[in-house]
Amino acid sequence: MRVDVHTHVVPERWQDWAARCGGGNWPRLEHRDDCRATIFTGAQFFRDIDDRS
C-alpha cells in the first residue's frame, strides 16, 4: 500500500519572476480575496486555488 501525504505552500506574495529573470512563462499568482487566488503560467490560466492550498 502507498500513501501520498504532502502539502502545498502558497506564499502571500510571489516575486515577479518574468521581470526579474526574463521570459514570459513564469508562474504568477493573482489574489481574488482572502481565501481564493488564481495561478497563471505567463498569461495562460493554470488553476484556481483556495485556502485549502
PDB file of N, CA and C in Angstrom:
ATOM      1  N   MET A   1       0.844  -1.171   0.000  1.00  0.00           N
ATOM      2  CA  MET A   1       0.000   0.000   0.000  1.00  0.00           C
ATOM      3  C   MET A   1       0.894   1.241   0.000  1.00  0.00           C
ATOM      4  N   ARG A   2       0.500   2.237  -0.785  1.00  0.00           N
ATOM      5  CA  ARG A   2       1.197   3.518  -0.805  1.00  0.00           C
ATOM      6  C   ARG A   2       0.258   4.605  -0.337  1.00  0.00           C
ATOM      7  N   VAL A   3       0.800   5.486   0.467  1.00  0.00           N
ATOM      8  CA  VAL A   3       0.020   6.628   0.948  1.00  0.00           C
ATOM      9  C   VAL A   3       0.768   7.890   0.536  1.00  0.00           C
ATOM     10  N   ASP A   4       0.118   8.754  -0.195  1.00  0.00           N
ATOM     11  CA  ASP A   4       0.717  10.012  -0.652  1.00  0.00           C
ATOM     12  C   ASP A   4       0.287  11.111   0.310  1.00  0.00           C
ATOM     13  N   VAL A   5       1.236  11.600   1.082  1.00  0.00           N
ATOM     14  CA  VAL A   5       0.958  12.670   2.042  1.00  0.00           C
ATOM     15  C   VAL A   5       1.865  13.839   1.694  1.00  0.00           C
ATOM     16  N   HIS A   6       1.263  14.944   1.319  1.00  0.00           N
ATOM     17  CA  HIS A   6       2.052  16.135   1.017  1.00  0.00           C
ATOM     18  C   HIS A   6       1.172  17.369   1.203  1.00  0.00           C
ATOM     19  N   THR A   7       1.782  18.501   1.116  1.00  0.00           N
ATOM     20  CA  THR A   7       1.035  19.741   1.236  1.00  0.00           C
ATOM     21  C   THR A   7       1.585  20.753   0.243  1.00  0.00           C
ATOM     22  N   HIS A   8       0.835  21.785   0.009  1.00  0.00           N
ATOM     23  CA  HIS A   8       1.259  22.880  -0.862  1.00  0.00           C
ATOM     24  C   HIS A   8       1.356  24.133  -0.007  1.00  0.00           C
ATOM     25  N   VAL A   9       2.392  24.888  -0.225  1.00  0.00           N
ATOM     26  CA  VAL A   9       2.550  26.158   0.482  1.00  0.00           C
ATOM     27  C   VAL A   9       2.440  27.259  -0.557  1.00  0.00           C
ATOM     28  N   VAL A  10       1.490  28.128  -0.364  1.00  0.00           N
ATOM     29  CA  VAL A  10       1.289  29.251  -1.288  1.00  0.00           C
ATOM     30  C   VAL A  10       1.613  30.526  -0.538  1.00  0.00           C
ATOM     31  N   PRO A  11       2.719  31.170  -0.875  1.00  0.00           N
ATOM     32  CA  PRO A  11       3.075  32.401  -0.167  1.00  0.00           C
ATOM     33  C   PRO A  11       2.083  33.513  -0.485  1.00  0.00           C
ATOM     34  N   GLU A  12       1.966  34.456   0.421  1.00  0.00           N
ATOM     35  CA  GLU A  12       1.047  35.571   0.209  1.00  0.00           C
ATOM     36  C   GLU A  12       1.454  36.393  -1.006  1.00  0.00           C
ATOM     37  N   ARG A  13       2.743  36.546  -1.228  1.00  0.00           N
ATOM     38  CA  ARG A  13       3.249  37.310  -2.371  1.00  0.00           C
ATOM     39  C   ARG A  13       4.309  36.492  -3.106  1.00  0.00           C
ATOM     40  N   TRP A  14       4.272  36.547  -4.427  1.00  0.00           N
ATOM     41  CA  TRP A  14       5.302  35.940  -5.262  1.00  0.00           C
ATOM     42  C   TRP A  14       6.073  37.049  -5.942  1.00  0.00           C
ATOM     43  N   GLN A  15       7.355  36.825  -6.133  1.00  0.00           N
ATOM     44  CA  GLN A  15       8.141  37.782  -6.896  1.00  0.00           C
ATOM     45  C   GLN A  15       7.678  37.782  -8.347  1.00  0.00           C
ATOM     46  N   ASP A  16       7.933  38.883  -9.036  1.00  0.00           N
ATOM     47  CA  ASP A  16       7.662  38.952 -10.469  1.00  0.00           C
ATOM     48  C   ASP A  16       8.867  38.343 -11.184  1.00  0.00           C
ATOM     49  N   TRP A  17       8.837  37.024 -11.342  1.00  0.00           N
ATOM     50  CA  TRP A  17       9.978  36.296 -11.904  1.00  0.00           C
ATOM     51  C   TRP A  17      10.221  36.670 -13.354  1.00  0.00           C
ATOM     52  N   ALA A  18       9.181  36.966 -14.111  1.00  0.00           N
ATOM     53  CA  ALA A  18       9.356  37.352 -15.511  1.00  0.00           C
ATOM     54  C   ALA A  18      10.153  38.645 -15.596  1.00  0.00           C
ATOM     55  N   ALA A  19       9.844  39.613 -14.744  1.00  0.00           N
ATOM     56  CA  ALA A  19      10.582  40.874 -14.742  1.00  0.00           C
ATOM     57  C   ALA A  19      12.005  40.676 -14.236  1.00  0.00           C
ATOM     58  N   ARG A  20      12.161  39.805 -13.260  1.00  0.00           N
ATOM     59  CA  ARG A  20      13.476  39.598 -12.661  1.00  0.00           C
ATOM     60  C   ARG A  20      14.414  38.785 -13.556  1.00  0.00           C
ATOM     61  N   CYS A  21      13.871  37.736 -14.194  1.00  0.00           N
ATOM     62  CA  CYS A  21      14.722  36.796 -14.928  1.00  0.00           C
ATOM     63  C   CYS A  21      14.482  36.785 -16.437  1.00  0.00           C
ATOM     64  N   GLY A  22      13.459  37.476 -16.887  1.00  0.00           N
ATOM     65  CA  GLY A  22      13.142  37.472 -18.308  1.00  0.00           C
ATOM     66  C   GLY A  22      12.261  36.305 -18.684  1.00  0.00           C
ATOM     67  N   GLY A  23      11.666  36.402 -19.824  1.00  0.00           N
ATOM     68  CA  GLY A  23      10.772  35.347 -20.297  1.00  0.00           C
ATOM     69  C   GLY A  23       9.368  35.580 -19.800  1.00  0.00           C
ATOM     70  N   GLY A  24       8.404  34.959 -20.438  1.00  0.00           N
ATOM     71  CA  GLY A  24       7.017  35.239 -20.109  1.00  0.00           C
ATOM     72  C   GLY A  24       6.241  34.110 -19.490  1.00  0.00           C
ATOM     73  N   ASN A  25       6.841  32.947 -19.280  1.00  0.00           N
ATOM     74  CA  ASN A  25       6.062  31.798 -18.809  1.00  0.00           C
ATOM     75  C   ASN A  25       6.262  31.471 -17.343  1.00  0.00           C
ATOM     76  N   TRP A  26       6.689  32.422 -16.564  1.00  0.00           N
ATOM     77  CA  TRP A  26       6.849  32.188 -15.126  1.00  0.00           C
ATOM     78  C   TRP A  26       5.483  32.147 -14.460  1.00  0.00           C
ATOM     79  N   PRO A  27       5.327  31.315 -13.423  1.00  0.00           N
ATOM     80  CA  PRO A  27       4.052  31.311 -12.714  1.00  0.00           C
ATOM     81  C   PRO A  27       3.835  32.624 -11.970  1.00  0.00           C
ATOM     82  N   ARG A  28       2.591  33.044 -11.909  1.00  0.00           N
ATOM     83  CA  ARG A  28       2.240  34.235 -11.129  1.00  0.00           C
ATOM     84  C   ARG A  28       0.913  33.985 -10.443  1.00  0.00           C
ATOM     85  N   LEU A  29       0.717  34.672  -9.354  1.00  0.00           N
ATOM     86  CA  LEU A  29      -0.449  34.467  -8.500  1.00  0.00           C
ATOM     87  C   LEU A  29      -1.259  35.753  -8.465  1.00  0.00           C
ATOM     88  N   GLU A  30      -2.553  35.638  -8.726  1.00  0.00           N
ATOM     89  CA  GLU A  30      -3.471  36.772  -8.602  1.00  0.00           C
ATOM     90  C   GLU A  30      -4.481  36.456  -7.511  1.00  0.00           C
ATOM     91  N   HIS A  31      -4.445  37.239  -6.440  1.00  0.00           N
ATOM     92  CA  HIS A  31      -5.389  37.046  -5.341  1.00  0.00           C
ATOM     93  C   HIS A  31      -6.776  37.526  -5.752  1.00  0.00           C
ATOM     94  N   ARG A  32      -7.796  36.746  -5.397  1.00  0.00           N
ATOM     95  CA  ARG A  32      -9.197  37.104  -5.657  1.00  0.00           C
ATOM     96  C   ARG A  32      -9.827  37.710  -4.403  1.00  0.00           C
ATOM     97  N   ASP A  33      -9.552  37.096  -3.272  1.00  0.00           N
ATOM     98  CA  ASP A  33      -9.991  37.603  -1.964  1.00  0.00           C
ATOM     99  C   ASP A  33      -9.120  36.909  -0.920  1.00  0.00           C
ATOM    100  N   ASP A  34      -9.513  36.965   0.340  1.00  0.00           N
ATOM    101  CA  ASP A  34      -8.679  36.388   1.398  1.00  0.00           C
ATOM    102  C   ASP A  34      -8.506  34.875   1.287  1.00  0.00           C
ATOM    103  N   CYS A  35      -9.412  34.198   0.613  1.00  0.00           N
ATOM    104  CA  CYS A  35      -9.384  32.737   0.581  1.00  0.00           C
ATOM    105  C   CYS A  35      -9.172  32.144  -0.801  1.00  0.00           C
ATOM    106  N   ARG A  36      -9.117  32.966  -1.851  1.00  0.00           N
ATOM    107  CA  ARG A  36      -9.020  32.420  -3.206  1.00  0.00           C
ATOM    108  C   ARG A  36      -8.000  33.188  -4.039  1.00  0.00           C
ATOM    109  N   ALA A  37      -7.386  32.467  -4.965  1.00  0.00           N
ATOM    110  CA  ALA A  37      -6.435  33.073  -5.889  1.00  0.00           C
ATOM    111  C   ALA A  37      -6.421  32.243  -7.166  1.00  0.00           C
ATOM    112  N   THR A  38      -5.824  32.801  -8.197  1.00  0.00           N
ATOM    113  CA  THR A  38      -5.665  32.110  -9.470  1.00  0.00           C
ATOM    114  C   THR A  38      -4.188  32.080  -9.816  1.00  0.00           C
ATOM    115  N   ILE A  39      -3.721  30.921 -10.258  1.00  0.00           N
ATOM    116  CA  ILE A  39      -2.341  30.779 -10.715  1.00  0.00           C
ATOM    117  C   ILE A  39      -2.352  30.806 -12.244  1.00  0.00           C
ATOM    118  N   PHE A  40      -1.457  31.602 -12.796  1.00  0.00           N
ATOM    119  CA  PHE A  40      -1.258  31.691 -14.237  1.00  0.00           C
ATOM    120  C   PHE A  40       0.163  31.260 -14.557  1.00  0.00           C
ATOM    121  N   THR A  41       0.354  30.700 -15.720  1.00  0.00           N
ATOM    122  CA  THR A  41       1.687  30.473 -16.273  1.00  0.00           C
ATOM    123  C   THR A  41       1.816  31.465 -17.412  1.00  0.00           C
ATOM    124  N   GLY A  42       2.581  32.522 -17.168  1.00  0.00           N
ATOM    125  CA  GLY A  42       2.589  33.636 -18.106  1.00  0.00           C
ATOM    126  C   GLY A  42       1.197  34.236 -18.126  1.00  0.00           C
ATOM    127  N   ALA A  43       0.584  34.326 -19.291  1.00  0.00           N
ATOM    128  CA  ALA A  43      -0.778  34.862 -19.405  1.00  0.00           C
ATOM    129  C   ALA A  43      -1.829  33.753 -19.411  1.00  0.00           C
ATOM    130  N   GLN A  44      -1.403  32.495 -19.395  1.00  0.00           N
ATOM    131  CA  GLN A  44      -2.333  31.374 -19.504  1.00  0.00           C
ATOM    132  C   GLN A  44      -2.807  30.902 -18.135  1.00  0.00           C
ATOM    133  N   PHE A  45      -4.126  30.756 -18.000  1.00  0.00           N
ATOM    134  CA  PHE A  45      -4.727  30.221 -16.782  1.00  0.00           C
ATOM    135  C   PHE A  45      -4.154  28.838 -16.496  1.00  0.00           C
ATOM    136  N   PHE A  46      -3.787  28.595 -15.218  1.00  0.00           N
ATOM    137  CA  PHE A  46      -3.320  27.271 -14.795  1.00  0.00           C
ATOM    138  C   PHE A  46      -4.356  26.617 -13.893  1.00  0.00           C
ATOM    139  N   ARG A  47      -4.686  27.269 -12.752  1.00  0.00           N
ATOM    140  CA  ARG A  47      -5.725  26.723 -11.876  1.00  0.00           C
ATOM    141  C   ARG A  47      -6.127  27.754 -10.823  1.00  0.00           C
ATOM    142  N   ASP A  48      -7.359  27.579 -10.332  1.00  0.00           N
ATOM    143  CA  ASP A  48      -7.838  28.346  -9.185  1.00  0.00           C
ATOM    144  C   ASP A  48      -7.479  27.570  -7.924  1.00  0.00           C
ATOM    145  N   ILE A  49      -7.131  28.302  -6.886  1.00  0.00           N
ATOM    146  CA  ILE A  49      -6.828  27.673  -5.593  1.00  0.00           C
ATOM    147  C   ILE A  49      -7.621  28.395  -4.518  1.00  0.00           C
ATOM    148  N   ASP A  50      -7.776  27.729  -3.394  1.00  0.00           N
ATOM    149  CA  ASP A  50      -8.448  28.361  -2.262  1.00  0.00           C
ATOM    150  C   ASP A  50      -7.631  28.105  -0.998  1.00  0.00           C
ATOM    151  N   ASP A  51      -8.201  28.423   0.148  1.00  0.00           N
ATOM    152  CA  ASP A  51      -7.442  28.330   1.396  1.00  0.00           C
ATOM    153  C   ASP A  51      -7.070  26.902   1.781  1.00  0.00           C
ATOM    154  N   ARG A  52      -7.546  25.912   1.066  1.00  0.00           N
ATOM    155  CA  ARG A  52      -7.110  24.531   1.316  1.00  0.00           C
ATOM    156  C   ARG A  52      -5.699  24.280   0.764  1.00  0.00           C
ATOM    157  N   SER A  53      -5.220  25.169  -0.093  1.00  0.00           N
ATOM    158  CA  SER A  53      -3.854  25.019  -0.627  1.00  0.00           C
ATOM    159  C   SER A  53      -2.861  25.574   0.358  1.00  0.00           C
TER     160      SER A  53
END
